[in-house]
Amino acid sequence: WNFEQYNKGDWASETGYYNMLVDAFKQLTSGVDPKKLELRTPLYVDCAHGVGAPQLSKLAKELGDLLHVEIRNTPADGQLNHECGAEHVQKGRAPPAGFSRDADRHSTAYANGGAHMYLKAKQIPIGLAKTGVKYCHHKAMEFDIGIYFEANGHGTVMVKDHVIDRLQKLETAVDDPKKKAAVSQILAAYQLINQAVGDALSDLLFVEVLLLQQNWTIQHWNAIYSDLPSRQTKVQIADRALVKTTDDETACLAPEALKDAVDALVAAAGPRARAFVRPSGTEDAVRVYAEAQTEAAANDLALRVAQAVHAHAAGVGDAPTAFVA
């Protein structure tokens, strides 16, 4: 981020970073009833005992009365990243633990068919990429405005330069006060979102802006769609090179017997069922993701797909007999 801002000649410094976020936050909340701001309950942030805590403390100081932040789990009082992260939420079925240690990601963002269906219903174009931030980042760059948050929570919103140039010219040229205000809000959002890298501090402020502008509570936000029950597991195999998938890892290509087995299991599991298998990037194992309308069905599908992997992709050891996260 600092390198990018230095090249642009804008906010390049630690102080500039905080000023950039606070200035944008002020612009985006300027139209909100001050009484609503006063009535907002404190925002409690779990920092996973990492270096994000002192940085958030500095940001909170700059925000002042605009946002009351209460910081929990600082570096001095616990084990770094203990039970923090998307895997803790997804596999352990436990409440999320806020930020990762260095505050470069939120720990609650993970793929789910419920979110996918919600976005499709809103007619928002959806790109599919392999697991991993580098793949998601490049896919998002194909759009004028690209939004990505991969399975571990890393991600951001990226806006092409030509879009910003057009908005800046429009802000100057337009006479209608409402249109000018709308353009100014988009440009302020562009300033608030850290496009250079995943940034949980920036994301936190952006979410607060959206909740204030929509007059939503956390409960309203949570209710916009329902996650489908899902399960993840992995199966040790002799050689991960045996398993091939499509570029976006949503379909198995080989072994053919495994492909056919997964397709049949998904078809039998119900209309909203999905299951993916992909070779691990770090070990001789296959990772399994399964989704269905009920927890029992998701568990059953995950187990049956894991058994199919073991049977058709040279599984190591005994075949699984129960779901293991």
Protein backbone atom coordinates (compact mmCIF):
# COMPACT_ATOMS: atom_id res chain seq x y z
CA TRP A 1 0.00 0.00 0.00
CA ASN A 2 2.72 2.47 0.98
CA PHE A 3 4.63 1.78 -2.25
CA GLU A 4 1.49 2.32 -4.32
CA GLN A 5 0.65 5.57 -2.54
CA TYR A 6 4.23 6.81 -2.89
CA ASN A 7 4.00 6.34 -6.65
CA LYS A 8 0.70 8.21 -6.71
CA GLY A 9 2.00 10.99 -4.47
CA ASP A 10 -0.96 10.72 -2.11
CA TRP A 11 -1.02 9.34 1.44
CA ALA A 12 2.33 7.53 1.64
CA SER A 13 3.20 7.24 5.36
CA GLU A 14 1.78 5.58 8.45
CA THR A 15 0.12 8.85 9.47
CA GLY A 16 -1.15 9.28 5.93
CA TYR A 17 -2.72 5.83 6.09
CA TYR A 18 -4.78 6.73 9.15
CA ASN A 19 -5.66 10.15 7.72
CA MET A 20 -6.83 8.54 4.47
CA LEU A 21 -9.18 6.15 6.27
CA VAL A 22 -10.54 8.71 8.73
CA ASP A 23 -11.11 11.35 6.03
CA ALA A 24 -13.03 8.87 3.87
CA PHE A 25 -15.02 7.59 6.86
CA LYS A 26 -16.02 11.17 7.71
CA GLN A 27 -17.15 11.83 4.14
CA LEU A 28 -19.21 8.66 4.01
CA THR A 29 -20.93 9.25 7.36
CA SER A 30 -21.44 13.01 6.95
CA GLY A 31 -25.06 12.52 5.86
CA VAL A 32 -25.92 10.21 8.77
CA ASP A 33 -28.05 11.61 11.58
CA PRO A 34 -25.59 12.52 14.40
CA LYS A 35 -28.00 10.99 16.92
CA LYS A 36 -27.62 7.62 15.20
CA LEU A 37 -23.85 7.89 15.54
CA GLU A 38 -24.21 8.69 19.24
CA LEU A 39 -26.53 5.73 19.82
CA ARG A 40 -24.21 3.19 18.21
CA THR A 41 -23.00 0.63 20.72
CA PRO A 42 -19.23 0.12 21.07
CA LEU A 43 -17.56 -2.03 18.44
CA TYR A 44 -15.66 -4.84 20.17
CA VAL A 45 -12.75 -6.11 18.08
CA ASP A 46 -10.88 -9.36 18.76
CA CYS A 47 -7.31 -8.86 17.51
CA ALA A 48 -6.07 -12.44 18.08
CA HIS A 49 -3.15 -11.23 20.24
CA GLY A 50 -1.36 -9.85 17.15
CA VAL A 51 0.25 -6.66 15.86
CA GLY A 52 -3.07 -5.48 14.45
CA ALA A 53 -4.12 -4.43 17.97
CA PRO A 54 -1.74 -1.44 18.38
CA GLN A 55 -2.50 -0.33 14.82
CA LEU A 56 -6.23 -0.42 15.48
CA SER A 57 -5.61 1.52 18.68
CA LYS A 58 -3.94 4.29 16.66
CA LEU A 59 -6.79 4.32 14.17
CA ALA A 60 -9.39 4.44 16.96
CA LYS A 61 -7.62 7.45 18.45
CA GLU A 62 -7.79 9.28 15.11
CA LEU A 63 -11.48 8.40 14.72
CA GLY A 64 -12.30 9.85 18.14
CA ASP A 65 -16.05 10.09 18.74
CA LEU A 66 -16.87 8.96 15.20
CA LEU A 67 -16.57 5.32 16.22
CA HIS A 68 -16.20 3.83 19.70
CA VAL A 69 -13.82 0.88 19.39
CA GLU A 70 -13.09 -1.54 22.23
CA ILE A 71 -10.01 -3.69 21.58
CA ARG A 72 -9.75 -7.22 22.97
CA ASN A 73 -6.92 -9.81 22.90
CA THR A 74 -3.82 -7.65 22.52
CA PRO A 75 -0.27 -9.04 22.00
CA ALA A 76 0.48 -8.94 25.72
CA ASP A 77 -2.34 -11.12 27.00
CA GLY A 78 -2.55 -14.39 25.10
CA GLN A 79 -1.45 -16.87 22.44
CA LEU A 80 -1.04 -15.50 18.93
CA ASN A 81 -3.87 -16.47 16.54
CA HIS A 82 -5.28 -19.07 18.95
CA GLU A 83 -8.51 -20.42 17.43
CA CYS A 84 -8.59 -17.55 14.96
CA GLY A 85 -9.42 -17.93 11.29
CA ALA A 86 -11.88 -19.20 8.74
CA GLU A 87 -10.96 -22.86 9.34
CA HIS A 88 -11.76 -22.45 13.04
CA VAL A 89 -15.19 -21.11 12.10
CA GLN A 90 -15.88 -23.51 9.26
CA LYS A 91 -14.55 -26.77 10.63
CA GLY A 92 -15.03 -26.21 14.34
CA ARG A 93 -18.52 -24.72 13.95
CA ALA A 94 -17.44 -22.05 16.46
CA PRO A 95 -17.90 -18.26 16.67
CA PRO A 96 -15.32 -16.28 14.66
CA ALA A 97 -12.41 -14.56 16.36
CA GLY A 98 -12.28 -11.21 14.59
CA PHE A 99 -9.07 -10.20 12.87
CA SER A 100 -6.06 -12.29 12.00
CA ARG A 101 -2.90 -11.41 13.93
CA ASP A 102 -1.62 -8.81 11.43
CA ALA A 103 -5.09 -7.45 10.58
CA ASP A 104 -4.72 -8.19 6.88
CA ARG A 105 -7.88 -10.26 6.78
CA HIS A 106 -11.19 -10.82 8.47
CA SER A 107 -11.70 -14.31 9.78
CA THR A 108 -15.32 -14.84 8.81
CA ALA A 109 -15.33 -14.85 5.02
CA TYR A 110 -15.62 -18.35 3.50
CA ALA A 111 -17.31 -19.66 0.38
CA ASN A 112 -20.89 -20.85 0.65
CA GLY A 113 -23.60 -21.67 -1.85
CA GLY A 114 -26.04 -19.45 0.06
CA ALA A 115 -23.93 -16.39 -0.75
CA HIS A 116 -23.54 -17.54 -4.35
CA MET A 117 -27.31 -17.84 -4.83
CA TYR A 118 -27.90 -14.44 -3.19
CA LEU A 119 -25.48 -12.72 -5.58
CA LYS A 120 -26.99 -14.50 -8.59
CA ALA A 121 -30.47 -13.35 -7.53
CA LYS A 122 -29.13 -9.77 -7.46
CA GLN A 123 -27.82 -10.32 -11.02
CA ILE A 124 -24.26 -9.58 -9.94
CA PRO A 125 -21.68 -11.16 -12.28
CA ILE A 126 -19.72 -13.88 -10.47
CA GLY A 127 -16.24 -15.01 -11.48
CA LEU A 128 -14.85 -18.34 -10.31
CA ALA A 129 -11.17 -18.87 -9.51
CA LYS A 130 -8.93 -21.47 -7.93
CA THR A 131 -8.50 -21.45 -4.18
CA GLY A 132 -5.89 -18.88 -3.17
CA VAL A 133 -5.60 -15.11 -3.03
CA LYS A 134 -3.37 -14.82 -6.12
CA TYR A 135 -5.98 -16.54 -8.29
CA CYS A 136 -8.89 -14.54 -6.86
CA HIS A 137 -6.95 -11.29 -7.26
CA HIS A 138 -6.28 -11.87 -10.95
CA LYS A 139 -9.89 -12.89 -11.57
CA ALA A 140 -11.15 -9.71 -9.87
CA MET A 141 -8.87 -7.63 -12.10
CA GLU A 142 -10.94 -8.72 -15.11
CA PHE A 143 -13.80 -6.48 -13.93
CA ASP A 144 -14.08 -2.67 -13.86
CA ILE A 145 -15.04 -3.07 -10.21
CA GLY A 146 -13.89 -6.41 -8.82
CA ILE A 147 -14.68 -7.75 -5.35
CA TYR A 148 -13.00 -10.83 -3.92
CA PHE A 149 -12.57 -12.44 -0.52
CA GLU A 150 -11.02 -15.90 -0.72
CA ALA A 151 -11.57 -18.75 1.70
CA ASN A 152 -9.14 -17.56 4.39
CA GLY A 153 -10.60 -14.07 4.38
CA HIS A 154 -7.97 -12.20 2.35
CA GLY A 155 -9.44 -9.89 -0.25
CA THR A 156 -10.46 -6.40 -1.25
CA VAL A 157 -12.41 -4.33 -3.76
CA MET A 158 -10.51 -3.20 -6.85
CA VAL A 159 -11.55 -0.33 -9.13
CA LYS A 160 -9.95 0.27 -12.53
CA ASP A 161 -8.22 3.63 -13.06
CA HIS A 162 -10.45 4.55 -15.99
CA VAL A 163 -13.53 4.22 -13.75
CA ILE A 164 -12.05 6.62 -11.20
CA ASP A 165 -10.96 9.07 -13.91
CA ARG A 166 -14.50 9.13 -15.28
CA LEU A 167 -16.01 9.63 -11.83
CA GLN A 168 -13.62 12.48 -11.00
CA LYS A 169 -14.52 14.27 -14.24
CA LEU A 170 -18.21 13.66 -13.61
CA GLU A 171 -17.95 15.07 -10.08
CA THR A 172 -16.61 18.32 -11.52
CA ALA A 173 -18.99 18.52 -14.48
CA VAL A 174 -22.35 17.53 -12.97
CA ASP A 175 -24.64 20.29 -11.66
CA ASP A 176 -27.36 18.23 -9.99
CA PRO A 177 -26.57 18.26 -6.22
CA LYS A 178 -27.89 14.72 -5.68
CA LYS A 179 -25.85 13.29 -8.54
CA LYS A 180 -22.75 15.15 -7.39
CA ALA A 181 -23.21 13.81 -3.85
CA ALA A 182 -23.65 10.26 -5.18
CA VAL A 183 -20.43 10.48 -7.20
CA SER A 184 -18.58 11.95 -4.21
CA GLN A 185 -19.74 9.02 -2.08
CA ILE A 186 -18.38 6.49 -4.57
CA LEU A 187 -15.03 8.30 -4.68
CA ALA A 188 -14.91 8.38 -0.88
CA ALA A 189 -15.60 4.63 -0.83
CA TYR A 190 -12.73 4.16 -3.27
CA GLN A 191 -10.50 6.07 -0.85
CA LEU A 192 -11.63 4.03 2.15
CA ILE A 193 -11.06 0.63 0.54
CA ASN A 194 -7.42 -0.48 0.54
CA GLN A 195 -7.00 -1.87 -2.97
CA ALA A 196 -3.31 -2.70 -2.65
CA VAL A 197 -3.76 -5.55 -0.18
CA GLY A 198 -6.25 -7.21 2.15
CA ASP A 199 -6.85 -4.83 5.04
CA ALA A 200 -9.19 -5.68 7.91
CA LEU A 201 -9.03 -2.14 9.34
CA SER A 202 -10.23 -0.66 6.07
CA ASP A 203 -12.89 -3.37 5.69
CA LEU A 204 -14.13 -2.81 9.23
CA LEU A 205 -14.74 0.89 8.58
CA PHE A 206 -16.40 0.18 5.24
CA VAL A 207 -18.82 -2.28 6.86
CA GLU A 208 -19.65 0.30 9.55
CA VAL A 209 -20.39 2.85 6.82
CA LEU A 210 -22.74 0.46 5.02
CA LEU A 211 -24.60 -0.46 8.20
CA LEU A 212 -25.04 3.21 9.09
CA GLN A 213 -26.17 4.23 5.62
CA GLN A 214 -28.63 1.33 5.37
CA ASN A 215 -29.74 1.84 8.98
CA TRP A 216 -29.08 -1.86 9.56
CA THR A 217 -28.22 -3.78 12.69
CA ILE A 218 -25.92 -6.79 12.64
CA GLN A 219 -29.09 -8.89 12.68
CA HIS A 220 -30.39 -7.20 9.51
CA TRP A 221 -27.07 -7.83 7.80
CA ASN A 222 -26.98 -11.47 8.86
CA ALA A 223 -30.52 -12.02 7.54
CA ILE A 224 -29.89 -11.06 3.89
CA TYR A 225 -29.22 -14.72 3.12
CA SER A 226 -28.74 -18.01 4.97
CA ASP A 227 -25.61 -20.11 4.69
CA LEU A 228 -26.18 -23.66 3.56
CA PRO A 229 -24.78 -26.28 5.95
CA SER A 230 -21.32 -27.26 4.74
CA ARG A 231 -18.44 -29.50 5.76
CA GLN A 232 -14.77 -29.78 4.86
CA THR A 233 -12.41 -32.69 5.29
CA LYS A 234 -9.36 -34.21 3.61
CA VAL A 235 -8.21 -37.65 2.55
CA GLN A 236 -4.58 -38.77 2.42
CA ILE A 237 -3.65 -40.33 -0.93
CA ALA A 238 -0.50 -41.82 -2.45
CA ASP A 239 0.03 -39.06 -5.04
CA ARG A 240 -1.95 -35.82 -5.30
CA ALA A 241 -1.00 -35.56 -8.99
CA LEU A 242 -3.58 -38.29 -9.67
CA VAL A 243 -6.45 -35.86 -9.10
CA LYS A 244 -7.16 -33.26 -11.79
CA THR A 245 -9.81 -30.54 -11.70
CA THR A 246 -11.11 -27.73 -13.89
CA ASP A 247 -9.26 -24.41 -13.67
CA ASP A 248 -11.72 -23.05 -11.11
CA GLU A 249 -11.61 -26.33 -9.11
CA THR A 250 -15.40 -26.74 -9.20
CA ALA A 251 -15.36 -30.07 -11.06
CA CYS A 252 -13.19 -33.17 -10.94
CA LEU A 253 -11.76 -34.32 -14.29
CA ALA A 254 -9.66 -37.32 -13.25
CA PRO A 255 -9.67 -40.06 -12.22
CA GLU A 256 -12.83 -40.55 -14.27
CA ALA A 257 -14.23 -43.02 -11.73
CA LEU A 258 -13.91 -40.37 -9.02
CA LYS A 259 -15.56 -37.75 -11.23
CA ASP A 260 -18.51 -40.05 -11.90
CA ALA A 261 -18.81 -40.97 -8.22
CA VAL A 262 -18.83 -37.33 -7.04
CA ASP A 263 -21.40 -36.35 -9.68
CA ALA A 264 -23.67 -39.23 -8.66
CA LEU A 265 -23.37 -38.48 -4.95
CA VAL A 266 -24.20 -34.80 -5.45
CA ALA A 267 -27.20 -35.65 -7.64
CA ALA A 268 -28.52 -37.98 -4.95
CA ALA A 269 -28.02 -35.49 -2.11
CA GLY A 270 -30.73 -33.01 -3.14
CA PRO A 271 -31.32 -29.89 -5.26
CA ARG A 272 -28.97 -27.57 -3.35
CA ALA A 273 -26.17 -30.04 -2.78
CA ARG A 274 -22.64 -29.33 -4.01
CA ALA A 275 -19.35 -31.12 -3.50
CA PHE A 276 -15.85 -30.34 -4.71
CA VAL A 277 -12.59 -32.25 -4.51
CA ARG A 278 -9.18 -30.75 -5.19
CA PRO A 279 -5.59 -31.85 -4.62
CA SER A 280 -3.86 -30.13 -1.73
CA GLY A 281 -1.20 -27.62 -2.64
CA THR A 282 1.07 -28.70 0.22
CA GLU A 283 0.71 -32.45 0.79
CA ASP A 284 -0.40 -35.71 -0.82
CA ALA A 285 -4.03 -35.28 0.11
CA VAL A 286 -7.35 -34.37 -1.44
CA ARG A 287 -9.49 -31.67 0.15
CA VAL A 288 -13.23 -32.25 0.17
CA TYR A 289 -15.95 -29.61 0.44
CA ALA A 290 -19.61 -30.63 0.69
CA GLU A 291 -22.81 -28.63 1.02
CA ALA A 292 -26.47 -29.62 1.42
CA GLN A 293 -29.78 -28.37 2.78
CA THR A 294 -29.31 -29.88 6.25
CA GLU A 295 -26.30 -30.49 8.49
CA ALA A 296 -26.95 -34.22 8.46
CA ALA A 297 -27.04 -34.26 4.65
CA ALA A 298 -23.85 -32.17 4.43
CA ASN A 299 -22.07 -34.52 6.84
CA ASP A 300 -23.26 -37.56 4.91
CA LEU A 301 -22.23 -36.10 1.55
CA ALA A 302 -18.77 -35.13 2.86
CA LEU A 303 -18.24 -38.66 4.19
CA ARG A 304 -19.41 -40.36 1.00
CA VAL A 305 -17.25 -38.13 -1.20
CA ALA A 306 -14.25 -38.77 1.08
CA GLN A 307 -14.88 -42.51 0.74
CA ALA A 308 -15.04 -42.13 -3.05
CA VAL A 309 -11.71 -40.28 -3.03
CA HIS A 310 -10.13 -43.06 -0.97
CA ALA A 311 -11.54 -45.74 -3.30
CA HIS A 312 -10.74 -44.12 -6.65
CA ALA A 313 -7.61 -42.03 -5.97
CA ALA A 314 -5.31 -44.49 -4.18
CA GLY A 315 -6.21 -43.57 -0.63
CA VAL A 316 -3.65 -44.23 2.09
CA GLY A 317 -4.63 -46.22 5.19
CA ASP A 318 -8.16 -47.21 6.11
CA ALA A 319 -11.12 -45.72 4.30
CA PRO A 320 -13.01 -43.09 6.35
CA THR A 321 -16.05 -44.41 8.22
CA ALA A 322 -17.21 -41.19 9.89
CA PHE A 323 -17.04 -37.50 9.09
CA VAL A 324 -13.80 -35.91 10.32
CA ALA A 325 -13.27 -32.14 10.04
